[in-house]
Amino acid sequence: MEHPVFAEKIPLGATVVLQLEGEDAFNKWARKIAGLHRGKDEPILFVQVKGLRPPKSRLIRPVIARSA
């Protein structure tokens, strides 16, 4: 949503695999998982990124409650 022009380049049904610079173990794991979960004839797209920003939550004062 933050990069609509970039997102337009991703075909429907494609498996998108993030590849983080300097994170070889994660990158190998992500490629393996993508290969296991992709559908037949679905493309796999690799997105190379320099890193990730800290996640932001839009939740306001979340509270966890257990069911009885």
C-alpha atoms as a PDB file:
ATOM      1  CA  MET A   1       0.000   0.000   0.000  1.00  0.00           C
ATOM      2  CA  GLU A   2       2.907   2.320   0.625  1.00  0.00           C
ATOM      3  CA  HIS A   3       4.431   1.584  -2.800  1.00  0.00           C
ATOM      4  CA  PRO A   4       1.550   1.221  -5.283  1.00  0.00           C
ATOM      5  CA  VAL A   5       3.703   1.616  -8.398  1.00  0.00           C
ATOM      6  CA  PHE A   6       5.983  -1.155  -7.156  1.00  0.00           C
ATOM      7  CA  ALA A   7       2.998  -3.365  -6.279  1.00  0.00           C
ATOM      8  CA  GLU A   8       1.576  -3.006  -9.802  1.00  0.00           C
ATOM      9  CA  LYS A   9       4.584  -4.973 -11.082  1.00  0.00           C
ATOM     10  CA  ILE A  10       3.566  -8.059  -9.066  1.00  0.00           C
ATOM     11  CA  PRO A  11       1.298 -10.396 -11.041  1.00  0.00           C
ATOM     12  CA  LEU A  12      -1.768 -11.864  -9.352  1.00  0.00           C
ATOM     13  CA  GLY A  13      -1.047 -15.240  -7.797  1.00  0.00           C
ATOM     14  CA  ALA A  14       2.695 -14.664  -7.602  1.00  0.00           C
ATOM     15  CA  THR A  15       4.670 -15.823  -4.597  1.00  0.00           C
ATOM     16  CA  VAL A  16       6.740 -12.913  -3.318  1.00  0.00           C
ATOM     17  CA  VAL A  17       9.957 -13.752  -1.481  1.00  0.00           C
ATOM     18  CA  LEU A  18      11.811 -11.078   0.454  1.00  0.00           C
ATOM     19  CA  GLN A  19      15.567 -11.367   0.321  1.00  0.00           C
ATOM     20  CA  LEU A  20      17.342  -9.277   2.942  1.00  0.00           C
ATOM     21  CA  GLU A  21      20.842  -8.012   2.324  1.00  0.00           C
ATOM     22  CA  GLY A  22      23.324  -9.802   4.619  1.00  0.00           C
ATOM     23  CA  GLU A  23      20.769 -12.334   5.927  1.00  0.00           C
ATOM     24  CA  ASP A  24      21.877 -15.491   4.110  1.00  0.00           C
ATOM     25  CA  ALA A  25      20.201 -17.966   6.470  1.00  0.00           C
ATOM     26  CA  PHE A  26      16.861 -16.137   6.279  1.00  0.00           C
ATOM     27  CA  ASN A  27      17.103 -15.809   2.494  1.00  0.00           C
ATOM     28  CA  LYS A  28      17.754 -19.534   2.064  1.00  0.00           C
ATOM     29  CA  TRP A  29      14.829 -20.371   4.386  1.00  0.00           C
ATOM     30  CA  ALA A  30      12.490 -17.953   2.564  1.00  0.00           C
ATOM     31  CA  ARG A  31      13.346 -19.470  -0.848  1.00  0.00           C
ATOM     32  CA  LYS A  32      12.767 -22.981   0.506  1.00  0.00           C
ATOM     33  CA  ILE A  33       9.370 -22.092   2.015  1.00  0.00           C
ATOM     34  CA  ALA A  34       8.312 -20.292  -1.166  1.00  0.00           C
ATOM     35  CA  GLY A  35       9.163 -23.331  -3.258  1.00  0.00           C
ATOM     36  CA  LEU A  36       7.105 -25.568  -0.990  1.00  0.00           C
ATOM     37  CA  HIS A  37       4.030 -23.335  -0.989  1.00  0.00           C
ATOM     38  CA  ARG A  38       3.839 -21.964  -4.511  1.00  0.00           C
ATOM     39  CA  GLY A  39       1.062 -23.161  -6.755  1.00  0.00           C
ATOM     40  CA  LYS A  40       1.633 -24.902 -10.042  1.00  0.00           C
ATOM     41  CA  ASP A  41       2.671 -22.460 -12.757  1.00  0.00           C
ATOM     42  CA  GLU A  42       2.719 -19.540 -10.297  1.00  0.00           C
ATOM     43  CA  PRO A  43       5.738 -17.278 -10.644  1.00  0.00           C
ATOM     44  CA  ILE A  44       8.101 -16.648  -7.765  1.00  0.00           C
ATOM     45  CA  LEU A  45       9.336 -13.068  -7.471  1.00  0.00           C
ATOM     46  CA  PHE A  46      12.399 -12.228  -5.414  1.00  0.00           C
ATOM     47  CA  VAL A  47      12.423  -8.780  -3.838  1.00  0.00           C
ATOM     48  CA  GLN A  48      15.881  -7.682  -2.756  1.00  0.00           C
ATOM     49  CA  VAL A  49      15.812  -5.211   0.142  1.00  0.00           C
ATOM     50  CA  LYS A  50      18.517  -3.487   2.146  1.00  0.00           C
ATOM     51  CA  GLY A  51      16.651  -4.077   5.410  1.00  0.00           C
ATOM     52  CA  LEU A  52      13.390  -3.664   7.253  1.00  0.00           C
ATOM     53  CA  ARG A  53      12.123  -0.817   9.378  1.00  0.00           C
ATOM     54  CA  PRO A  54      10.778  -1.681  12.816  1.00  0.00           C
ATOM     55  CA  PRO A  55       7.164  -2.874  12.616  1.00  0.00           C
ATOM     56  CA  LYS A  56       4.453  -0.412  13.506  1.00  0.00           C
ATOM     57  CA  SER A  57       1.206  -1.459  15.039  1.00  0.00           C
ATOM     58  CA  ARG A  58      -2.023   0.391  14.484  1.00  0.00           C
ATOM     59  CA  LEU A  59      -3.559  -1.188  17.582  1.00  0.00           C
ATOM     60  CA  ILE A  60      -4.378   1.091  20.491  1.00  0.00           C
ATOM     61  CA  ARG A  61      -3.798  -0.414  23.952  1.00  0.00           C
ATOM     62  CA  PRO A  62      -4.398  -4.053  23.004  1.00  0.00           C
ATOM     63  CA  VAL A  63      -5.442  -6.442  25.806  1.00  0.00           C
ATOM     64  CA  ILE A  64      -5.304 -10.249  25.653  1.00  0.00           C
ATOM     65  CA  ALA A  65      -8.114 -12.203  27.310  1.00  0.00           C
ATOM     66  CA  ARG A  66      -8.398 -15.967  27.668  1.00  0.00           C
ATOM     67  CA  SER A  67     -11.633 -17.741  26.980  1.00  0.00           C
ATOM     68  CA  ALA A  68     -13.319 -19.506  29.903  1.00  0.00           C
END
